[in-house]
N, C-alpha and C. Protein backbone atom coordinates (compact mmCIF):
# COMPACT_ATOMS: atom_id res chain seq x y z
N MET A 1 132.00 162.00 135.82
CA MET A 1 131.73 160.94 134.85
C MET A 1 131.36 161.58 133.51
N LEU A 2 131.96 161.08 132.46
CA LEU A 2 131.66 161.59 131.13
C LEU A 2 130.27 161.14 130.68
N THR A 3 129.61 162.02 129.97
CA THR A 3 128.30 161.70 129.42
C THR A 3 128.41 161.52 127.90
N MET A 4 127.35 161.03 127.30
CA MET A 4 127.33 160.91 125.84
C MET A 4 127.47 162.29 125.20
N TYR A 5 126.88 163.29 125.80
CA TYR A 5 127.03 164.65 125.29
C TYR A 5 128.51 165.03 125.29
N ASP A 6 129.19 164.76 126.42
CA ASP A 6 130.60 165.13 126.57
C ASP A 6 131.50 164.48 125.52
N ILE A 7 131.19 163.25 125.15
CA ILE A 7 132.05 162.55 124.19
C ILE A 7 131.57 162.69 122.75
N THR A 8 130.49 163.46 122.56
CA THR A 8 129.97 163.69 121.21
C THR A 8 130.18 165.14 120.78
N ILE A 9 129.53 166.06 121.46
CA ILE A 9 129.48 167.44 120.98
C ILE A 9 130.85 168.14 121.03
N PRO A 10 131.57 168.16 122.15
CA PRO A 10 132.87 168.85 122.13
C PRO A 10 133.86 168.32 121.09
N PRO A 11 134.02 166.99 120.94
CA PRO A 11 134.96 166.53 119.90
C PRO A 11 134.53 166.91 118.48
N LEU A 12 133.24 166.86 118.21
CA LEU A 12 132.77 167.22 116.87
C LEU A 12 132.97 168.71 116.62
N LYS A 13 132.64 169.53 117.61
CA LYS A 13 132.84 170.98 117.44
C LYS A 13 134.31 171.31 117.23
N ARG A 14 135.17 170.71 118.01
CA ARG A 14 136.60 170.98 117.88
C ARG A 14 137.11 170.57 116.50
N THR A 15 136.71 169.40 116.05
CA THR A 15 137.17 168.92 114.76
C THR A 15 136.67 169.81 113.63
N LEU A 16 135.43 170.25 113.70
CA LEU A 16 134.90 171.14 112.66
C LEU A 16 135.55 172.52 112.73
N THR A 17 135.82 172.99 113.93
CA THR A 17 136.52 174.27 114.08
C THR A 17 137.91 174.18 113.47
N ASN A 18 138.59 173.07 113.70
CA ASN A 18 139.92 172.87 113.11
C ASN A 18 139.83 172.76 111.59
N LEU A 19 138.79 172.10 111.10
CA LEU A 19 138.58 172.00 109.66
C LEU A 19 138.40 173.39 109.05
N ALA A 20 137.66 174.24 109.72
CA ALA A 20 137.47 175.61 109.23
C ALA A 20 138.81 176.33 109.12
N GLN A 21 139.70 176.11 110.09
CA GLN A 21 141.02 176.74 110.04
C GLN A 21 141.86 176.18 108.89
N LEU A 22 141.75 174.88 108.66
CA LEU A 22 142.45 174.28 107.52
C LEU A 22 141.99 174.91 106.21
N LEU A 23 140.69 175.10 106.09
CA LEU A 23 140.15 175.69 104.87
C LEU A 23 140.60 177.14 104.69
N LYS A 24 140.71 177.87 105.80
CA LYS A 24 141.22 179.25 105.71
C LYS A 24 142.63 179.26 105.14
N LYS A 25 143.45 178.34 105.61
CA LYS A 25 144.82 178.26 105.09
C LYS A 25 144.83 177.83 103.63
N GLY A 26 143.92 176.94 103.27
CA GLY A 26 143.82 176.52 101.87
C GLY A 26 143.43 177.66 100.96
N GLU A 27 142.46 178.43 101.37
CA GLU A 27 142.03 179.57 100.55
C GLU A 27 143.14 180.61 100.45
N ALA A 28 143.80 180.89 101.57
CA ALA A 28 144.90 181.87 101.56
C ALA A 28 146.02 181.41 100.62
N TYR A 29 146.30 180.12 100.63
CA TYR A 29 147.33 179.57 99.75
C TYR A 29 146.96 179.79 98.28
N ALA A 30 145.72 179.45 97.93
CA ALA A 30 145.29 179.62 96.54
C ALA A 30 145.39 181.08 96.12
N LEU A 31 144.95 181.98 96.98
CA LEU A 31 145.00 183.41 96.65
C LEU A 31 146.44 183.90 96.52
N ALA A 32 147.31 183.44 97.42
CA ALA A 32 148.72 183.85 97.37
C ALA A 32 149.39 183.35 96.09
N LYS A 33 148.98 182.20 95.61
CA LYS A 33 149.55 181.63 94.38
C LYS A 33 148.83 182.14 93.13
N GLU A 34 147.84 183.00 93.35
CA GLU A 34 147.04 183.55 92.25
C GLU A 34 146.40 182.44 91.41
N VAL A 35 145.86 181.47 92.13
CA VAL A 35 145.16 180.34 91.52
C VAL A 35 143.69 180.45 91.91
N ASP A 36 142.81 180.13 91.01
CA ASP A 36 141.38 180.13 91.31
C ASP A 36 141.13 179.17 92.48
N PRO A 37 140.61 179.66 93.61
CA PRO A 37 140.37 178.79 94.77
C PRO A 37 139.46 177.60 94.46
N THR A 38 138.62 177.72 93.45
CA THR A 38 137.74 176.62 93.08
C THR A 38 138.53 175.38 92.67
N ILE A 39 139.71 175.59 92.14
CA ILE A 39 140.55 174.45 91.76
C ILE A 39 140.86 173.61 93.00
N LEU A 40 141.16 174.26 94.11
CA LEU A 40 141.45 173.54 95.35
C LEU A 40 140.17 172.92 95.91
N VAL A 41 139.06 173.64 95.87
CA VAL A 41 137.78 173.12 96.37
C VAL A 41 137.38 171.85 95.61
N GLU A 42 137.74 171.77 94.34
CA GLU A 42 137.39 170.61 93.51
C GLU A 42 138.49 169.55 93.46
N SER A 43 139.61 169.77 94.14
CA SER A 43 140.74 168.82 94.09
C SER A 43 140.42 167.52 94.82
N ARG A 44 141.06 166.47 94.35
CA ARG A 44 140.92 165.11 94.92
C ARG A 44 142.31 164.54 95.16
N LEU A 45 142.39 163.55 96.04
CA LEU A 45 143.65 162.83 96.20
C LEU A 45 143.92 161.96 94.98
N ILE A 46 142.87 161.35 94.49
CA ILE A 46 142.95 160.46 93.33
C ILE A 46 141.57 160.46 92.68
N ILE A 47 141.50 160.11 91.44
CA ILE A 47 140.29 160.30 90.64
C ILE A 47 139.04 159.65 91.24
N ASP A 48 139.18 158.51 91.92
CA ASP A 48 137.98 157.83 92.42
C ASP A 48 137.61 158.21 93.86
N MET A 49 138.23 159.27 94.36
CA MET A 49 137.87 159.77 95.70
C MET A 49 137.11 161.08 95.55
N TYR A 50 136.35 161.41 96.59
CA TYR A 50 135.60 162.66 96.58
C TYR A 50 136.52 163.87 96.64
N PRO A 51 136.07 165.00 96.08
CA PRO A 51 136.85 166.24 96.15
C PRO A 51 136.78 166.86 97.55
N LEU A 52 137.60 167.87 97.75
CA LEU A 52 137.65 168.59 99.03
C LEU A 52 136.27 169.00 99.50
N LYS A 53 135.47 169.60 98.62
CA LYS A 53 134.16 170.09 99.04
C LYS A 53 133.30 168.96 99.59
N ARG A 54 133.37 167.77 98.99
CA ARG A 54 132.55 166.65 99.46
C ARG A 54 133.06 166.13 100.80
N GLN A 55 134.36 166.19 101.03
CA GLN A 55 134.90 165.78 102.33
C GLN A 55 134.30 166.65 103.44
N VAL A 56 134.21 167.95 103.18
CA VAL A 56 133.62 168.88 104.15
C VAL A 56 132.13 168.59 104.33
N GLN A 57 131.44 168.36 103.24
CA GLN A 57 130.01 168.06 103.32
C GLN A 57 129.76 166.80 104.15
N ILE A 58 130.54 165.77 103.94
CA ILE A 58 130.34 164.53 104.68
C ILE A 58 130.68 164.72 106.16
N ALA A 59 131.77 165.41 106.46
CA ALA A 59 132.13 165.64 107.87
C ALA A 59 131.03 166.41 108.60
N THR A 60 130.44 167.40 107.94
CA THR A 60 129.36 168.16 108.58
C THR A 60 128.08 167.33 108.65
N ASP A 61 127.79 166.55 107.62
CA ASP A 61 126.61 165.69 107.65
C ASP A 61 126.70 164.67 108.78
N MET A 62 127.86 164.05 108.92
CA MET A 62 128.06 163.07 110.00
C MET A 62 127.86 163.73 111.37
N SER A 63 128.38 164.93 111.52
CA SER A 63 128.32 165.63 112.81
C SER A 63 126.89 166.00 113.18
N LYS A 64 126.18 166.62 112.26
CA LYS A 64 124.80 167.03 112.57
C LYS A 64 123.90 165.80 112.68
N GLY A 65 124.17 164.78 111.88
CA GLY A 65 123.38 163.56 111.97
C GLY A 65 123.54 162.87 113.31
N ALA A 66 124.76 162.83 113.80
CA ALA A 66 125.01 162.20 115.10
C ALA A 66 124.32 162.97 116.21
N ALA A 67 124.48 164.28 116.22
CA ALA A 67 123.85 165.09 117.27
C ALA A 67 122.34 164.90 117.26
N ALA A 68 121.74 164.94 116.09
CA ALA A 68 120.29 164.81 116.00
C ALA A 68 119.81 163.42 116.39
N ARG A 69 120.45 162.39 115.85
CA ARG A 69 120.02 161.03 116.17
C ARG A 69 120.14 160.73 117.65
N LEU A 70 121.26 161.11 118.24
CA LEU A 70 121.47 160.82 119.66
C LEU A 70 120.57 161.67 120.55
N ALA A 71 120.22 162.86 120.11
CA ALA A 71 119.33 163.74 120.88
C ALA A 71 117.85 163.44 120.61
N GLY A 72 117.58 162.63 119.59
CA GLY A 72 116.20 162.29 119.27
C GLY A 72 115.44 163.41 118.58
N ILE A 73 116.15 164.20 117.78
CA ILE A 73 115.51 165.30 117.07
C ILE A 73 115.75 165.17 115.57
N GLU A 74 115.07 166.00 114.81
CA GLU A 74 115.18 165.94 113.35
C GLU A 74 116.56 166.40 112.88
N ILE A 75 117.08 165.70 111.90
CA ILE A 75 118.38 166.05 111.32
C ILE A 75 118.18 167.21 110.34
N PRO A 76 118.92 168.29 110.51
CA PRO A 76 118.82 169.37 109.53
C PRO A 76 119.30 168.88 108.15
N VAL A 77 118.64 169.36 107.13
CA VAL A 77 119.00 168.98 105.76
C VAL A 77 119.68 170.16 105.10
N TYR A 78 120.86 169.93 104.57
CA TYR A 78 121.59 170.95 103.83
C TYR A 78 121.69 170.50 102.37
N GLU A 79 121.56 171.46 101.48
CA GLU A 79 121.83 171.16 100.08
C GLU A 79 123.34 171.01 99.93
N ASP A 80 123.75 170.07 99.14
CA ASP A 80 125.19 169.88 98.90
C ASP A 80 125.59 170.67 97.66
N ASN A 81 125.53 171.99 97.77
CA ASN A 81 125.76 172.84 96.61
C ASN A 81 126.92 173.82 96.79
N GLU A 82 127.76 173.58 97.78
CA GLU A 82 128.88 174.48 98.04
C GLU A 82 129.95 174.33 96.96
N THR A 83 130.41 175.46 96.45
CA THR A 83 131.45 175.44 95.42
C THR A 83 132.59 176.40 95.74
N THR A 84 132.52 177.07 96.89
CA THR A 84 133.55 178.04 97.27
C THR A 84 133.98 177.80 98.71
N PHE A 85 135.12 178.36 99.05
CA PHE A 85 135.57 178.29 100.45
C PHE A 85 134.57 178.99 101.37
N ASP A 86 134.05 180.13 100.94
CA ASP A 86 133.07 180.85 101.78
C ASP A 86 131.85 179.99 102.05
N ALA A 87 131.36 179.30 101.04
CA ALA A 87 130.19 178.45 101.22
C ALA A 87 130.50 177.27 102.14
N LEU A 88 131.68 176.70 102.02
CA LEU A 88 132.07 175.60 102.91
C LEU A 88 132.20 176.10 104.34
N GLN A 89 132.76 177.29 104.53
CA GLN A 89 132.87 177.87 105.87
C GLN A 89 131.48 178.10 106.46
N ALA A 90 130.55 178.59 105.64
CA ALA A 90 129.19 178.83 106.12
C ALA A 90 128.53 177.51 106.54
N ARG A 91 128.79 176.45 105.81
CA ARG A 91 128.24 175.14 106.15
C ARG A 91 128.79 174.67 107.49
N ILE A 92 130.08 174.84 107.70
CA ILE A 92 130.68 174.45 108.98
C ILE A 92 130.09 175.29 110.11
N GLU A 93 129.99 176.59 109.92
CA GLU A 93 129.42 177.47 110.95
C GLU A 93 127.99 177.06 111.29
N LYS A 94 127.20 176.75 110.27
CA LYS A 94 125.81 176.34 110.48
C LYS A 94 125.76 175.03 111.27
N THR A 95 126.68 174.13 110.98
CA THR A 95 126.72 172.84 111.68
C THR A 95 127.12 173.04 113.14
N ILE A 96 128.12 173.87 113.39
CA ILE A 96 128.53 174.14 114.77
C ILE A 96 127.39 174.81 115.53
N ALA A 97 126.67 175.73 114.90
CA ALA A 97 125.52 176.36 115.56
C ALA A 97 124.46 175.32 115.91
N PHE A 98 124.25 174.35 115.03
CA PHE A 98 123.31 173.27 115.34
C PHE A 98 123.81 172.45 116.53
N LEU A 99 125.09 172.10 116.52
CA LEU A 99 125.64 171.34 117.65
C LEU A 99 125.48 172.11 118.95
N ASP A 100 125.65 173.43 118.89
CA ASP A 100 125.47 174.27 120.08
C ASP A 100 124.03 174.29 120.57
N SER A 101 123.09 174.00 119.70
CA SER A 101 121.67 174.06 120.08
C SER A 101 121.20 172.82 120.82
N VAL A 102 121.99 171.76 120.77
CA VAL A 102 121.62 170.51 121.42
C VAL A 102 122.07 170.57 122.88
N THR A 103 121.23 170.08 123.78
CA THR A 103 121.53 170.16 125.21
C THR A 103 121.98 168.80 125.76
N PRO A 104 122.73 168.82 126.85
CA PRO A 104 123.12 167.56 127.49
C PRO A 104 121.90 166.71 127.88
N GLN A 105 120.82 167.35 128.28
CA GLN A 105 119.63 166.60 128.68
C GLN A 105 119.06 165.79 127.52
N GLN A 106 119.18 166.29 126.31
CA GLN A 106 118.67 165.56 125.16
C GLN A 106 119.48 164.28 124.89
N PHE A 107 120.66 164.21 125.43
CA PHE A 107 121.53 163.05 125.21
C PHE A 107 121.39 161.99 126.30
N GLU A 108 120.59 162.27 127.32
CA GLU A 108 120.46 161.31 128.41
C GLU A 108 119.99 159.96 127.89
N GLN A 109 120.67 158.93 128.30
CA GLN A 109 120.39 157.53 127.95
C GLN A 109 120.56 157.23 126.45
N SER A 110 121.23 158.11 125.74
CA SER A 110 121.42 157.87 124.31
C SER A 110 122.44 156.78 124.02
N GLU A 111 123.26 156.42 125.01
CA GLU A 111 124.26 155.37 124.77
C GLU A 111 123.60 154.04 124.43
N SER A 112 122.39 153.80 124.95
CA SER A 112 121.70 152.54 124.68
C SER A 112 120.57 152.69 123.65
N LYS A 113 120.38 153.88 123.16
CA LYS A 113 119.34 154.14 122.16
C LYS A 113 119.67 153.38 120.87
N GLN A 114 118.67 152.80 120.24
CA GLN A 114 118.87 152.12 118.96
C GLN A 114 118.95 153.15 117.84
N VAL A 115 120.00 153.07 117.05
CA VAL A 115 120.21 153.98 115.92
C VAL A 115 120.31 153.12 114.66
N THR A 116 119.52 153.48 113.67
CA THR A 116 119.56 152.79 112.38
C THR A 116 119.95 153.79 111.31
N ILE A 117 120.96 153.44 110.55
CA ILE A 117 121.35 154.26 109.40
C ILE A 117 121.24 153.38 108.16
N THR A 118 120.99 154.00 107.04
CA THR A 118 120.87 153.25 105.79
C THR A 118 122.02 153.66 104.87
N ILE A 119 122.81 152.68 104.51
CA ILE A 119 123.95 152.88 103.62
C ILE A 119 123.76 151.99 102.40
N ARG A 120 123.67 152.61 101.24
CA ARG A 120 123.49 151.87 99.98
C ARG A 120 122.33 150.87 100.08
N LYS A 121 121.22 151.35 100.61
CA LYS A 121 119.97 150.60 100.74
C LYS A 121 120.04 149.46 101.76
N VAL A 122 121.06 149.47 102.60
CA VAL A 122 121.19 148.46 103.64
C VAL A 122 121.10 149.16 104.99
N ASP A 123 120.20 148.66 105.85
CA ASP A 123 120.07 149.21 107.20
C ASP A 123 121.16 148.65 108.10
N ILE A 124 121.80 149.54 108.82
CA ILE A 124 122.82 149.15 109.80
C ILE A 124 122.34 149.66 111.15
N GLN A 125 122.33 148.77 112.14
CA GLN A 125 121.84 149.13 113.47
C GLN A 125 122.98 149.16 114.47
N PHE A 126 122.89 150.14 115.35
CA PHE A 126 123.86 150.32 116.42
C PHE A 126 123.11 150.68 117.69
N ASN A 127 123.76 150.47 118.84
CA ASN A 127 123.31 151.21 120.02
C ASN A 127 124.02 152.56 119.94
N GLY A 128 123.57 153.52 120.71
CA GLY A 128 124.09 154.88 120.59
C GLY A 128 125.59 154.99 120.78
N LEU A 129 126.13 154.29 121.77
CA LEU A 129 127.57 154.37 122.03
C LEU A 129 128.38 153.80 120.87
N ASP A 130 127.96 152.64 120.37
CA ASP A 130 128.66 152.05 119.23
C ASP A 130 128.53 152.93 117.99
N TYR A 131 127.37 153.51 117.78
CA TYR A 131 127.17 154.42 116.65
C TYR A 131 128.19 155.56 116.70
N LEU A 132 128.35 156.14 117.88
CA LEU A 132 129.29 157.24 118.03
C LEU A 132 130.73 156.77 117.85
N GLN A 133 131.11 155.72 118.58
CA GLN A 133 132.51 155.30 118.61
C GLN A 133 132.97 154.53 117.38
N LYS A 134 132.08 153.77 116.78
CA LYS A 134 132.48 152.89 115.67
C LYS A 134 132.07 153.42 114.30
N TRP A 135 131.22 154.44 114.28
CA TRP A 135 130.76 154.96 112.99
C TRP A 135 131.04 156.46 112.84
N VAL A 136 130.47 157.25 113.74
CA VAL A 136 130.52 158.71 113.58
C VAL A 136 131.94 159.25 113.70
N LEU A 137 132.57 159.05 114.85
CA LEU A 137 133.89 159.65 115.05
C LEU A 137 134.91 159.16 114.03
N PRO A 138 135.00 157.85 113.74
CA PRO A 138 135.96 157.44 112.71
C PRO A 138 135.67 158.07 111.35
N ASN A 139 134.40 158.19 110.98
CA ASN A 139 134.05 158.80 109.70
C ASN A 139 134.39 160.28 109.66
N VAL A 140 134.07 161.00 110.71
CA VAL A 140 134.39 162.44 110.75
C VAL A 140 135.89 162.63 110.65
N TYR A 141 136.65 161.87 111.44
CA TYR A 141 138.11 162.01 111.41
C TYR A 141 138.67 161.62 110.04
N PHE A 142 138.11 160.60 109.42
CA PHE A 142 138.57 160.19 108.09
C PHE A 142 138.38 161.32 107.08
N HIS A 143 137.20 161.91 107.05
CA HIS A 143 136.91 162.93 106.04
C HIS A 143 137.66 164.23 106.30
N VAL A 144 137.87 164.57 107.56
CA VAL A 144 138.67 165.77 107.86
C VAL A 144 140.14 165.50 107.52
N THR A 145 140.62 164.31 107.83
CA THR A 145 141.99 163.95 107.45
C THR A 145 142.16 163.96 105.94
N THR A 146 141.17 163.47 105.23
CA THR A 146 141.26 163.47 103.77
C THR A 146 141.25 164.89 103.22
N ALA A 147 140.45 165.77 103.81
CA ALA A 147 140.46 167.19 103.41
C ALA A 147 141.85 167.77 103.63
N TYR A 148 142.43 167.48 104.79
CA TYR A 148 143.80 167.92 105.10
C TYR A 148 144.77 167.41 104.03
N ASN A 149 144.67 166.12 103.72
CA ASN A 149 145.60 165.50 102.76
C ASN A 149 145.44 166.07 101.35
N ILE A 150 144.22 166.37 100.96
CA ILE A 150 144.01 166.99 99.64
C ILE A 150 144.75 168.32 99.58
N MET A 151 144.59 169.12 100.63
CA MET A 151 145.25 170.43 100.62
C MET A 151 146.77 170.29 100.70
N ARG A 152 147.27 169.34 101.48
CA ARG A 152 148.72 169.11 101.53
C ARG A 152 149.24 168.70 100.16
N GLN A 153 148.53 167.80 99.50
CA GLN A 153 148.95 167.33 98.18
C GLN A 153 149.03 168.50 97.19
N GLN A 154 148.18 169.48 97.37
CA GLN A 154 148.17 170.64 96.48
C GLN A 154 149.18 171.71 96.90
N GLY A 155 149.89 171.47 98.00
CA GLY A 155 150.96 172.38 98.39
C GLY A 155 150.65 173.30 99.55
N VAL A 156 149.46 173.20 100.13
CA VAL A 156 149.12 174.06 101.26
C VAL A 156 150.01 173.69 102.45
N ALA A 157 150.62 174.68 103.06
CA ALA A 157 151.53 174.45 104.20
C ALA A 157 150.71 174.19 105.46
N LEU A 158 150.45 172.92 105.70
CA LEU A 158 149.72 172.49 106.89
C LEU A 158 150.59 171.49 107.64
N GLY A 159 150.43 171.48 108.95
CA GLY A 159 151.14 170.52 109.77
C GLY A 159 150.18 169.82 110.72
N LYS A 160 150.71 168.90 111.47
CA LYS A 160 149.90 168.14 112.42
C LYS A 160 149.19 169.07 113.40
N SER A 161 149.88 170.12 113.82
CA SER A 161 149.26 171.05 114.78
C SER A 161 148.06 171.76 114.18
N ASP A 162 148.04 171.96 112.86
CA ASP A 162 146.86 172.54 112.21
C ASP A 162 145.68 171.59 112.30
N PHE A 163 145.94 170.31 112.12
CA PHE A 163 144.87 169.31 112.22
C PHE A 163 144.36 169.21 113.65
N LEU A 164 145.28 169.16 114.60
CA LEU A 164 144.89 168.98 116.00
C LEU A 164 144.28 170.23 116.62
N GLY A 165 144.70 171.40 116.16
CA GLY A 165 144.17 172.65 116.70
C GLY A 165 144.87 173.06 117.98
N PRO A 166 144.37 174.15 118.60
CA PRO A 166 144.99 174.65 119.83
C PRO A 166 144.96 173.61 120.94
N ARG A 167 145.96 173.66 121.79
CA ARG A 167 146.07 172.68 122.90
C ARG A 167 145.30 173.15 124.12
N LYS A 168 144.03 173.37 123.97
CA LYS A 168 143.23 173.75 125.14
C LYS A 168 141.98 172.94 125.21
């Protein structure tokens, strides 16, 4: 039987690991084209959307926030000051290390745990399972997909298999 840990931590780790690989390809592309990598880090799909760096920040924030809330522990706070591929990679690594620190026992009965998040000064309440399935996973996938799309728009050679990662 799957547990809340099983449907939370492995998918988040895999998605962040795949995001790190996408960023490696993005940086390699910029360097091969002799373009300042910061241009790609600051790129957007359209003017009113967040840049690549913010997509990574949100995906990692969602991931660490979910793990902490469902495990009943404090959410690590990261400064949103990354401006390079190396800094974004370090943020992803730090987030994966945090996810690795959470145990299955901390997730016991988290499916029915009340979770409250505040968005634009409005409290939104979920039970743990709904929080994961209706908020966290869709948001993480959205921001990683948007990061992928920003890099594709800029010419980085990425395919669906890069987004999905290894088949294991």
